mmCIF file of all heavy atoms, coordinates in Angstrom:
data_MODEL
# 
_entry.id   MODEL 
# 
loop_
_atom_site.group_PDB 
_atom_site.id 
_atom_site.type_symbol 
_atom_site.label_atom_id 
_atom_site.label_alt_id 
_atom_site.label_comp_id 
_atom_site.label_asym_id 
_atom_site.label_entity_id 
_atom_site.label_seq_id 
_atom_site.pdbx_PDB_ins_code 
_atom_site.Cartn_x 
_atom_site.Cartn_y 
_atom_site.Cartn_z 
_atom_site.occupancy 
_atom_site.B_iso_or_equiv 
_atom_site.pdbx_formal_charge 
_atom_site.auth_seq_id 
_atom_site.auth_comp_id 
_atom_site.auth_asym_id 
_atom_site.auth_atom_id 
_atom_site.pdbx_PDB_model_num 
ATOM 1   N N   . TRP A 1 1  ? 90.543  97.193  122.931 1.00 0.00 ? 1  TRP A N   1 
ATOM 2   C CA  . TRP A 1 1  ? 89.470  96.749  122.047 1.00 0.00 ? 1  TRP A CA  1 
ATOM 3   C C   . TRP A 1 1  ? 88.961  95.402  122.540 1.00 0.00 ? 1  TRP A C   1 
ATOM 4   O O   . TRP A 1 1  ? 89.236  94.366  121.964 1.00 0.00 ? 1  TRP A O   1 
ATOM 5   C CB  . TRP A 1 1  ? 89.967  96.666  120.613 1.00 0.00 ? 1  TRP A CB  1 
ATOM 6   C CG  . TRP A 1 1  ? 88.922  96.981  119.589 1.00 0.00 ? 1  TRP A CG  1 
ATOM 7   C CD1 . TRP A 1 1  ? 87.604  97.227  119.801 1.00 0.00 ? 1  TRP A CD1 1 
ATOM 8   C CD2 . TRP A 1 1  ? 89.136  97.102  118.173 1.00 0.00 ? 1  TRP A CD2 1 
ATOM 9   N NE1 . TRP A 1 1  ? 86.968  97.490  118.610 1.00 0.00 ? 1  TRP A NE1 1 
ATOM 10  C CE2 . TRP A 1 1  ? 87.876  97.422  117.600 1.00 0.00 ? 1  TRP A CE2 1 
ATOM 11  C CE3 . TRP A 1 1  ? 90.249  96.975  117.352 1.00 0.00 ? 1  TRP A CE3 1 
ATOM 12  C CZ2 . TRP A 1 1  ? 87.721  97.599  116.225 1.00 0.00 ? 1  TRP A CZ2 1 
ATOM 13  C CZ3 . TRP A 1 1  ? 90.094  97.158  115.990 1.00 0.00 ? 1  TRP A CZ3 1 
ATOM 14  C CH2 . TRP A 1 1  ? 88.841  97.462  115.432 1.00 0.00 ? 1  TRP A CH2 1 
ATOM 15  N N   . ARG A 1 2  ? 88.208  95.479  123.602 1.00 0.00 ? 2  ARG A N   1 
ATOM 16  C CA  . ARG A 1 2  ? 87.738  94.270  124.298 1.00 0.00 ? 2  ARG A CA  1 
ATOM 17  C C   . ARG A 1 2  ? 86.849  93.421  123.404 1.00 0.00 ? 2  ARG A C   1 
ATOM 18  O O   . ARG A 1 2  ? 86.913  92.181  123.446 1.00 0.00 ? 2  ARG A O   1 
ATOM 19  C CB  . ARG A 1 2  ? 86.988  94.704  125.565 1.00 0.00 ? 2  ARG A CB  1 
ATOM 20  C CG  . ARG A 1 2  ? 86.378  93.591  126.387 1.00 0.00 ? 2  ARG A CG  1 
ATOM 21  C CD  . ARG A 1 2  ? 85.825  94.134  127.699 1.00 0.00 ? 2  ARG A CD  1 
ATOM 22  N NE  . ARG A 1 2  ? 85.050  95.350  127.524 1.00 0.00 ? 2  ARG A NE  1 
ATOM 23  C CZ  . ARG A 1 2  ? 83.775  95.375  127.157 1.00 0.00 ? 2  ARG A CZ  1 
ATOM 24  N NH1 . ARG A 1 2  ? 83.121  94.250  126.923 1.00 0.00 ? 2  ARG A NH1 1 
ATOM 25  N NH2 . ARG A 1 2  ? 83.131  96.528  127.043 1.00 0.00 ? 2  ARG A NH2 1 
ATOM 26  N N   . ARG A 1 3  ? 86.008  94.060  122.622 1.00 0.00 ? 3  ARG A N   1 
ATOM 27  C CA  . ARG A 1 3  ? 85.119  93.336  121.720 1.00 0.00 ? 3  ARG A CA  1 
ATOM 28  C C   . ARG A 1 3  ? 85.203  93.990  120.342 1.00 0.00 ? 3  ARG A C   1 
ATOM 29  O O   . ARG A 1 3  ? 84.440  94.889  120.008 1.00 0.00 ? 3  ARG A O   1 
ATOM 30  C CB  . ARG A 1 3  ? 83.682  93.367  122.244 1.00 0.00 ? 3  ARG A CB  1 
ATOM 31  C CG  . ARG A 1 3  ? 82.744  92.411  121.507 1.00 0.00 ? 3  ARG A CG  1 
ATOM 32  C CD  . ARG A 1 3  ? 81.352  92.404  122.123 1.00 0.00 ? 3  ARG A CD  1 
ATOM 33  N NE  . ARG A 1 3  ? 80.653  93.665  121.952 1.00 0.00 ? 3  ARG A NE  1 
ATOM 34  C CZ  . ARG A 1 3  ? 80.409  94.535  122.916 1.00 0.00 ? 3  ARG A CZ  1 
ATOM 35  N NH1 . ARG A 1 3  ? 80.816  94.287  124.157 1.00 0.00 ? 3  ARG A NH1 1 
ATOM 36  N NH2 . ARG A 1 3  ? 79.757  95.665  122.669 1.00 0.00 ? 3  ARG A NH2 1 
ATOM 37  N N   . PRO A 1 4  ? 86.136  93.524  119.502 1.00 0.00 ? 4  PRO A N   1 
ATOM 38  C CA  . PRO A 1 4  ? 86.334  94.147  118.182 1.00 0.00 ? 4  PRO A CA  1 
ATOM 39  C C   . PRO A 1 4  ? 85.102  94.007  117.291 1.00 0.00 ? 4  PRO A C   1 
ATOM 40  O O   . PRO A 1 4  ? 84.373  93.015  117.352 1.00 0.00 ? 4  PRO A O   1 
ATOM 41  C CB  . PRO A 1 4  ? 87.522  93.378  117.596 1.00 0.00 ? 4  PRO A CB  1 
ATOM 42  C CG  . PRO A 1 4  ? 88.215  92.780  118.781 1.00 0.00 ? 4  PRO A CG  1 
ATOM 43  C CD  . PRO A 1 4  ? 87.130  92.476  119.769 1.00 0.00 ? 4  PRO A CD  1 
ATOM 44  N N   . THR A 1 5  ? 84.884  95.020  116.481 1.00 0.00 ? 5  THR A N   1 
ATOM 45  C CA  . THR A 1 5  ? 83.819  95.020  115.485 1.00 0.00 ? 5  THR A CA  1 
ATOM 46  C C   . THR A 1 5  ? 84.429  95.441  114.148 1.00 0.00 ? 5  THR A C   1 
ATOM 47  O O   . THR A 1 5  ? 85.498  96.053  114.122 1.00 0.00 ? 5  THR A O   1 
ATOM 48  C CB  . THR A 1 5  ? 82.689  95.993  115.881 1.00 0.00 ? 5  THR A CB  1 
ATOM 49  O OG1 . THR A 1 5  ? 83.269  97.268  116.233 1.00 0.00 ? 5  THR A OG1 1 
ATOM 50  C CG2 . THR A 1 5  ? 81.907  95.460  117.073 1.00 0.00 ? 5  THR A CG2 1 
ATOM 51  N N   . PRO A 1 6  ? 83.777  95.113  113.037 1.00 0.00 ? 6  PRO A N   1 
ATOM 52  C CA  . PRO A 1 6  ? 84.327  95.482  111.729 1.00 0.00 ? 6  PRO A CA  1 
ATOM 53  C C   . PRO A 1 6  ? 84.514  96.989  111.606 1.00 0.00 ? 6  PRO A C   1 
ATOM 54  O O   . PRO A 1 6  ? 83.697  97.771  112.096 1.00 0.00 ? 6  PRO A O   1 
ATOM 55  C CB  . PRO A 1 6  ? 83.258  94.973  110.758 1.00 0.00 ? 6  PRO A CB  1 
ATOM 56  C CG  . PRO A 1 6  ? 82.557  93.872  111.488 1.00 0.00 ? 6  PRO A CG  1 
ATOM 57  C CD  . PRO A 1 6  ? 82.534  94.317  112.920 1.00 0.00 ? 6  PRO A CD  1 
ATOM 58  N N   . VAL A 1 7  ? 85.589  97.386  110.930 1.00 0.00 ? 7  VAL A N   1 
ATOM 59  C CA  . VAL A 1 7  ? 85.871  98.806  110.716 1.00 0.00 ? 7  VAL A CA  1 
ATOM 60  C C   . VAL A 1 7  ? 86.216  99.043  109.247 1.00 0.00 ? 7  VAL A C   1 
ATOM 61  O O   . VAL A 1 7  ? 86.789  98.178  108.589 1.00 0.00 ? 7  VAL A O   1 
ATOM 62  C CB  . VAL A 1 7  ? 87.022  99.316  111.608 1.00 0.00 ? 7  VAL A CB  1 
ATOM 63  C CG1 . VAL A 1 7  ? 86.595  99.389  113.062 1.00 0.00 ? 7  VAL A CG1 1 
ATOM 64  C CG2 . VAL A 1 7  ? 88.255  98.426  111.479 1.00 0.00 ? 7  VAL A CG2 1 
ATOM 65  N N   . SER A 1 8  ? 85.863  100.223 108.774 1.00 0.00 ? 8  SER A N   1 
ATOM 66  C CA  . SER A 1 8  ? 86.164  100.653 107.414 1.00 0.00 ? 8  SER A CA  1 
ATOM 67  C C   . SER A 1 8  ? 85.856  102.140 107.329 1.00 0.00 ? 8  SER A C   1 
ATOM 68  O O   . SER A 1 8  ? 85.165  102.681 108.206 1.00 0.00 ? 8  SER A O   1 
ATOM 69  C CB  . SER A 1 8  ? 85.331  99.873  106.387 1.00 0.00 ? 8  SER A CB  1 
ATOM 70  O OG  . SER A 1 8  ? 83.953  100.134 106.568 1.00 0.00 ? 8  SER A OG  1 
ATOM 71  N N   . PRO A 1 9  ? 86.340  102.832 106.319 1.00 0.00 ? 9  PRO A N   1 
ATOM 72  C CA  . PRO A 1 9  ? 86.050  104.267 106.210 1.00 0.00 ? 9  PRO A CA  1 
ATOM 73  C C   . PRO A 1 9  ? 84.547  104.534 106.136 1.00 0.00 ? 9  PRO A C   1 
ATOM 74  O O   . PRO A 1 9  ? 83.857  103.952 105.301 1.00 0.00 ? 9  PRO A O   1 
ATOM 75  C CB  . PRO A 1 9  ? 86.753  104.676 104.917 1.00 0.00 ? 9  PRO A CB  1 
ATOM 76  C CG  . PRO A 1 9  ? 87.850  103.674 104.743 1.00 0.00 ? 9  PRO A CG  1 
ATOM 77  C CD  . PRO A 1 9  ? 87.283  102.382 105.252 1.00 0.00 ? 9  PRO A CD  1 
ATOM 78  N N   . VAL A 1 10 ? 84.058  105.394 107.005 1.00 0.00 ? 10 VAL A N   1 
ATOM 79  C CA  . VAL A 1 10 ? 82.641  105.753 106.987 1.00 0.00 ? 10 VAL A CA  1 
ATOM 80  C C   . VAL A 1 10 ? 82.387  106.795 105.899 1.00 0.00 ? 10 VAL A C   1 
ATOM 81  O O   . VAL A 1 10 ? 81.403  106.705 105.159 1.00 0.00 ? 10 VAL A O   1 
ATOM 82  C CB  . VAL A 1 10 ? 82.200  106.283 108.368 1.00 0.00 ? 10 VAL A CB  1 
ATOM 83  C CG1 . VAL A 1 10 ? 80.776  106.814 108.314 1.00 0.00 ? 10 VAL A CG1 1 
ATOM 84  C CG2 . VAL A 1 10 ? 82.317  105.177 109.412 1.00 0.00 ? 10 VAL A CG2 1 
ATOM 85  N N   . ASP A 1 11 ? 83.289  107.768 105.777 1.00 0.00 ? 11 ASP A N   1 
ATOM 86  C CA  . ASP A 1 11 ? 83.173  108.811 104.771 1.00 0.00 ? 11 ASP A CA  1 
ATOM 87  C C   . ASP A 1 11 ? 84.486  108.855 103.988 1.00 0.00 ? 11 ASP A C   1 
ATOM 88  O O   . ASP A 1 11 ? 85.484  109.401 104.464 1.00 0.00 ? 11 ASP A O   1 
ATOM 89  C CB  . ASP A 1 11 ? 82.900  110.163 105.433 1.00 0.00 ? 11 ASP A CB  1 
ATOM 90  C CG  . ASP A 1 11 ? 82.723  111.279 104.414 1.00 0.00 ? 11 ASP A CG  1 
ATOM 91  O OD1 . ASP A 1 11 ? 82.880  111.015 103.210 1.00 0.00 ? 11 ASP A OD1 1 
ATOM 92  O OD2 . ASP A 1 11 ? 82.428  112.416 104.831 1.00 0.00 ? 11 ASP A OD2 1 
ATOM 93  N N   . PRO A 1 12 ? 84.519  108.295 102.776 1.00 0.00 ? 12 PRO A N   1 
ATOM 94  C CA  . PRO A 1 12 ? 85.755  108.269 101.984 1.00 0.00 ? 12 PRO A CA  1 
ATOM 95  C C   . PRO A 1 12 ? 86.315  109.658 101.699 1.00 0.00 ? 12 PRO A C   1 
ATOM 96  O O   . PRO A 1 12 ? 87.503  109.797 101.410 1.00 0.00 ? 12 PRO A O   1 
ATOM 97  C CB  . PRO A 1 12 ? 85.326  107.574 100.684 1.00 0.00 ? 12 PRO A CB  1 
ATOM 98  C CG  . PRO A 1 12 ? 84.132  106.756 101.063 1.00 0.00 ? 12 PRO A CG  1 
ATOM 99  C CD  . PRO A 1 12 ? 83.418  107.582 102.101 1.00 0.00 ? 12 PRO A CD  1 
ATOM 100 N N   . ALA A 1 13 ? 85.487  110.681 101.788 1.00 0.00 ? 13 ALA A N   1 
ATOM 101 C CA  . ALA A 1 13 ? 85.978  112.037 101.583 1.00 0.00 ? 13 ALA A CA  1 
ATOM 102 C C   . ALA A 1 13 ? 86.848  112.495 102.751 1.00 0.00 ? 13 ALA A C   1 
ATOM 103 O O   . ALA A 1 13 ? 87.616  113.458 102.621 1.00 0.00 ? 13 ALA A O   1 
ATOM 104 C CB  . ALA A 1 13 ? 84.811  113.002 101.399 1.00 0.00 ? 13 ALA A CB  1 
ATOM 105 N N   . GLU A 1 14 ? 86.709  111.824 103.883 1.00 0.00 ? 14 GLU A N   1 
ATOM 106 C CA  . GLU A 1 14 ? 87.489  112.164 105.068 1.00 0.00 ? 14 GLU A CA  1 
ATOM 107 C C   . GLU A 1 14 ? 88.568  111.120 105.366 1.00 0.00 ? 14 GLU A C   1 
ATOM 108 O O   . GLU A 1 14 ? 89.680  111.467 105.773 1.00 0.00 ? 14 GLU A O   1 
ATOM 109 C CB  . GLU A 1 14 ? 86.561  112.275 106.291 1.00 0.00 ? 14 GLU A CB  1 
ATOM 110 C CG  . GLU A 1 14 ? 85.540  113.393 106.209 1.00 0.00 ? 14 GLU A CG  1 
ATOM 111 C CD  . GLU A 1 14 ? 86.149  114.757 106.465 1.00 0.00 ? 14 GLU A CD  1 
ATOM 112 O OE1 . GLU A 1 14 ? 87.220  114.824 107.095 1.00 0.00 ? 14 GLU A OE1 1 
ATOM 113 O OE2 . GLU A 1 14 ? 85.550  115.757 106.030 1.00 0.00 ? 14 GLU A OE2 1 
ATOM 114 N N   . THR A 1 15 ? 88.229  109.854 105.189 1.00 0.00 ? 15 THR A N   1 
ATOM 115 C CA  . THR A 1 15 ? 89.119  108.759 105.573 1.00 0.00 ? 15 THR A CA  1 
ATOM 116 C C   . THR A 1 15 ? 89.345  107.827 104.393 1.00 0.00 ? 15 THR A C   1 
ATOM 117 O O   . THR A 1 15 ? 88.388  107.285 103.827 1.00 0.00 ? 15 THR A O   1 
ATOM 118 C CB  . THR A 1 15 ? 88.515  107.958 106.739 1.00 0.00 ? 15 THR A CB  1 
ATOM 119 O OG1 . THR A 1 15 ? 88.205  108.851 107.816 1.00 0.00 ? 15 THR A OG1 1 
ATOM 120 C CG2 . THR A 1 15 ? 89.478  106.896 107.228 1.00 0.00 ? 15 THR A CG2 1 
ATOM 121 N N   . ALA A 1 16 ? 90.615  107.654 104.004 1.00 0.00 ? 16 ALA A N   1 
ATOM 122 C CA  . ALA A 1 16 ? 90.931  106.801 102.862 1.00 0.00 ? 16 ALA A CA  1 
ATOM 123 C C   . ALA A 1 16 ? 90.901  105.320 103.234 1.00 0.00 ? 16 ALA A C   1 
ATOM 124 O O   . ALA A 1 16 ? 90.429  104.487 102.469 1.00 0.00 ? 16 ALA A O   1 
ATOM 125 C CB  . ALA A 1 16 ? 92.293  107.170 102.297 1.00 0.00 ? 16 ALA A CB  1 
ATOM 126 N N   . ARG A 1 17 ? 91.403  104.997 104.412 1.00 0.00 ? 17 ARG A N   1 
ATOM 127 C CA  . ARG A 1 17 ? 91.394  103.606 104.852 1.00 0.00 ? 17 ARG A CA  1 
ATOM 128 C C   . ARG A 1 17 ? 91.528  103.530 106.360 1.00 0.00 ? 17 ARG A C   1 
ATOM 129 O O   . ARG A 1 17 ? 91.969  104.482 107.014 1.00 0.00 ? 17 ARG A O   1 
ATOM 130 C CB  . ARG A 1 17 ? 92.485  102.782 104.169 1.00 0.00 ? 17 ARG A CB  1 
ATOM 131 C CG  . ARG A 1 17 ? 93.914  103.162 104.532 1.00 0.00 ? 17 ARG A CG  1 
ATOM 132 C CD  . ARG A 1 17 ? 94.907  102.284 103.797 1.00 0.00 ? 17 ARG A CD  1 
ATOM 133 N NE  . ARG A 1 17 ? 96.287  102.667 104.057 1.00 0.00 ? 17 ARG A NE  1 
ATOM 134 C CZ  . ARG A 1 17 ? 97.225  101.845 104.508 1.00 0.00 ? 17 ARG A CZ  1 
ATOM 135 N NH1 . ARG A 1 17 ? 96.934  100.578 104.755 1.00 0.00 ? 17 ARG A NH1 1 
ATOM 136 N NH2 . ARG A 1 17 ? 98.460  102.264 104.711 1.00 0.00 ? 17 ARG A NH2 1 
ATOM 137 N N   . VAL A 1 18 ? 91.165  102.374 106.886 1.00 0.00 ? 18 VAL A N   1 
ATOM 138 C CA  . VAL A 1 18 ? 91.294  102.072 108.306 1.00 0.00 ? 18 VAL A CA  1 
ATOM 139 C C   . VAL A 1 18 ? 92.105  100.788 108.398 1.00 0.00 ? 18 VAL A C   1 
ATOM 140 O O   . VAL A 1 18 ? 91.819  99.815  107.692 1.00 0.00 ? 18 VAL A O   1 
ATOM 141 C CB  . VAL A 1 18 ? 89.912  101.876 108.964 1.00 0.00 ? 18 VAL A CB  1 
ATOM 142 C CG1 . VAL A 1 18 ? 90.072  101.561 110.451 1.00 0.00 ? 18 VAL A CG1 1 
ATOM 143 C CG2 . VAL A 1 18 ? 89.035  103.105 108.762 1.00 0.00 ? 18 VAL A CG2 1 
ATOM 144 N N   . PHE A 1 19 ? 93.124  100.783 109.248 1.00 0.00 ? 19 PHE A N   1 
ATOM 145 C CA  . PHE A 1 19 ? 93.986  99.606  109.307 1.00 0.00 ? 19 PHE A CA  1 
ATOM 146 C C   . PHE A 1 19 ? 94.598  99.454  110.694 1.00 0.00 ? 19 PHE A C   1 
ATOM 147 O O   . PHE A 1 19 ? 94.578  100.393 111.502 1.00 0.00 ? 19 PHE A O   1 
ATOM 148 C CB  . PHE A 1 19 ? 95.089  99.690  108.248 1.00 0.00 ? 19 PHE A CB  1 
ATOM 149 C CG  . PHE A 1 19 ? 96.020  100.870 108.388 1.00 0.00 ? 19 PHE A CG  1 
ATOM 150 C CD1 . PHE A 1 19 ? 97.310  100.706 108.850 1.00 0.00 ? 19 PHE A CD1 1 
ATOM 151 C CD2 . PHE A 1 19 ? 95.608  102.155 108.038 1.00 0.00 ? 19 PHE A CD2 1 
ATOM 152 C CE1 . PHE A 1 19 ? 98.179  101.774 108.967 1.00 0.00 ? 19 PHE A CE1 1 
ATOM 153 C CE2 . PHE A 1 19 ? 96.467  103.247 108.146 1.00 0.00 ? 19 PHE A CE2 1 
ATOM 154 C CZ  . PHE A 1 19 ? 97.761  103.054 108.612 1.00 0.00 ? 19 PHE A CZ  1 
ATOM 155 N N   . THR A 1 20 ? 95.105  98.263  110.955 1.00 0.00 ? 20 THR A N   1 
ATOM 156 C CA  . THR A 1 20 ? 95.800  98.011  112.212 1.00 0.00 ? 20 THR A CA  1 
ATOM 157 C C   . THR A 1 20 ? 97.269  97.727  111.919 1.00 0.00 ? 20 THR A C   1 
ATOM 158 O O   . THR A 1 20 ? 97.617  97.220  110.843 1.00 0.00 ? 20 THR A O   1 
ATOM 159 C CB  . THR A 1 20 ? 95.196  96.813  112.969 1.00 0.00 ? 20 THR A CB  1 
ATOM 160 O OG1 . THR A 1 20 ? 95.217  95.652  112.124 1.00 0.00 ? 20 THR A OG1 1 
ATOM 161 C CG2 . THR A 1 20 ? 93.758  97.111  113.392 1.00 0.00 ? 20 THR A CG2 1 
ATOM 162 N N   . VAL A 1 21 ? 98.115  98.074  112.889 1.00 0.00 ? 21 VAL A N   1 
ATOM 163 C CA  . VAL A 1 21 ? 99.551  97.850  112.767 1.00 0.00 ? 21 VAL A CA  1 
ATOM 164 C C   . VAL A 1 21 ? 100.036 97.106  114.008 1.00 0.00 ? 21 VAL A C   1 
ATOM 165 O O   . VAL A 1 21 ? 99.805  97.559  115.133 1.00 0.00 ? 21 VAL A O   1 
ATOM 166 C CB  . VAL A 1 21 ? 100.327 99.171  112.646 1.00 0.00 ? 21 VAL A CB  1 
ATOM 167 C CG1 . VAL A 1 21 ? 101.807 98.904  112.494 1.00 0.00 ? 21 VAL A CG1 1 
ATOM 168 C CG2 . VAL A 1 21 ? 99.813  99.998  111.484 1.00 0.00 ? 21 VAL A CG2 1 
ATOM 169 N N   . PRO A 1 22 ? 100.689 95.949  113.838 1.00 0.00 ? 22 PRO A N   1 
ATOM 170 C CA  . PRO A 1 22 ? 101.227 95.235  114.996 1.00 0.00 ? 22 PRO A CA  1 
ATOM 171 C C   . PRO A 1 22 ? 102.247 96.082  115.745 1.00 0.00 ? 22 PRO A C   1 
ATOM 172 O O   . PRO A 1 22 ? 103.067 96.776  115.126 1.00 0.00 ? 22 PRO A O   1 
ATOM 173 C CB  . PRO A 1 22 ? 101.884 93.994  114.375 1.00 0.00 ? 22 PRO A CB  1 
ATOM 174 C CG  . PRO A 1 22 ? 101.213 93.817  113.051 1.00 0.00 ? 22 PRO A CG  1 
ATOM 175 C CD  . PRO A 1 22 ? 100.910 95.208  112.577 1.00 0.00 ? 22 PRO A CD  1 
ATOM 176 N N   . VAL A 1 23 ? 102.202 96.039  117.065 1.00 0.00 ? 23 VAL A N   1 
ATOM 177 C CA  . VAL A 1 23 ? 103.183 96.761  117.879 1.00 0.00 ? 23 VAL A CA  1 
ATOM 178 C C   . VAL A 1 23 ? 104.592 96.268  117.549 1.00 0.00 ? 23 VAL A C   1 
ATOM 179 O O   . VAL A 1 23 ? 105.552 97.046  117.527 1.00 0.00 ? 23 VAL A O   1 
ATOM 180 C CB  . VAL A 1 23 ? 102.869 96.584  119.381 1.00 0.00 ? 23 VAL A CB  1 
ATOM 181 C CG1 . VAL A 1 23 ? 104.002 97.131  120.235 1.00 0.00 ? 23 VAL A CG1 1 
ATOM 182 C CG2 . VAL A 1 23 ? 101.561 97.287  119.734 1.00 0.00 ? 23 VAL A CG2 1 
ATOM 183 N N   . SER A 1 24 ? 104.727 94.975  117.265 1.00 0.00 ? 24 SER A N   1 
ATOM 184 C CA  . SER A 1 24 ? 106.046 94.420  116.930 1.00 0.00 ? 24 SER A CA  1 
ATOM 185 C C   . SER A 1 24 ? 106.608 95.064  115.667 1.00 0.00 ? 24 SER A C   1 
ATOM 186 O O   . SER A 1 24 ? 107.827 95.266  115.541 1.00 0.00 ? 24 SER A O   1 
ATOM 187 C CB  . SER A 1 24 ? 105.950 92.898  116.746 1.00 0.00 ? 24 SER A CB  1 
ATOM 188 O OG  . SER A 1 24 ? 105.054 92.571  115.701 1.00 0.00 ? 24 SER A OG  1 
ATOM 189 N N   . GLU A 1 25 ? 105.727 95.416  114.727 1.00 0.00 ? 25 GLU A N   1 
ATOM 190 C CA  . GLU A 1 25 ? 106.171 96.074  113.494 1.00 0.00 ? 25 GLU A CA  1 
ATOM 191 C C   . GLU A 1 25 ? 106.605 97.506  113.778 1.00 0.00 ? 25 GLU A C   1 
ATOM 192 O O   . GLU A 1 25 ? 107.580 98.003  113.213 1.00 0.00 ? 25 GLU A O   1 
ATOM 193 C CB  . GLU A 1 25 ? 105.036 96.044  112.474 1.00 0.00 ? 25 GLU A CB  1 
ATOM 194 C CG  . GLU A 1 25 ? 105.426 96.504  111.081 1.00 0.00 ? 25 GLU A CG  1 
ATOM 195 C CD  . GLU A 1 25 ? 104.318 96.308  110.068 1.00 0.00 ? 25 GLU A CD  1 
ATOM 196 O OE1 . GLU A 1 25 ? 103.559 95.335  110.191 1.00 0.00 ? 25 GLU A OE1 1 
ATOM 197 O OE2 . GLU A 1 25 ? 104.215 97.150  109.152 1.00 0.00 ? 25 GLU A OE2 1 
ATOM 198 N N   . LEU A 1 26 ? 105.880 98.179  114.666 1.00 0.00 ? 26 LEU A N   1 
ATOM 199 C CA  . LEU A 1 26 ? 106.255 99.542  115.036 1.00 0.00 ? 26 LEU A CA  1 
ATOM 200 C C   . LEU A 1 26 ? 107.575 99.569  115.797 1.00 0.00 ? 26 LEU A C   1 
ATOM 201 O O   . LEU A 1 26 ? 108.367 100.507 115.645 1.00 0.00 ? 26 LEU A O   1 
ATOM 202 C CB  . LEU A 1 26 ? 105.147 100.164 115.888 1.00 0.00 ? 26 LEU A CB  1 
ATOM 203 C CG  . LEU A 1 26 ? 103.817 100.415 115.167 1.00 0.00 ? 26 LEU A CG  1 
ATOM 204 C CD1 . LEU A 1 26 ? 102.708 100.693 116.181 1.00 0.00 ? 26 LEU A CD1 1 
ATOM 205 C CD2 . LEU A 1 26 ? 103.944 101.576 114.190 1.00 0.00 ? 26 LEU A CD2 1 
# 
């Protein structure tokens, strides 16, 4: 993700949320 842009569900009927998870947490 060289140039991040805002993200959020485009269609709530398909996607409940958009989120990131740190690799360290995984």
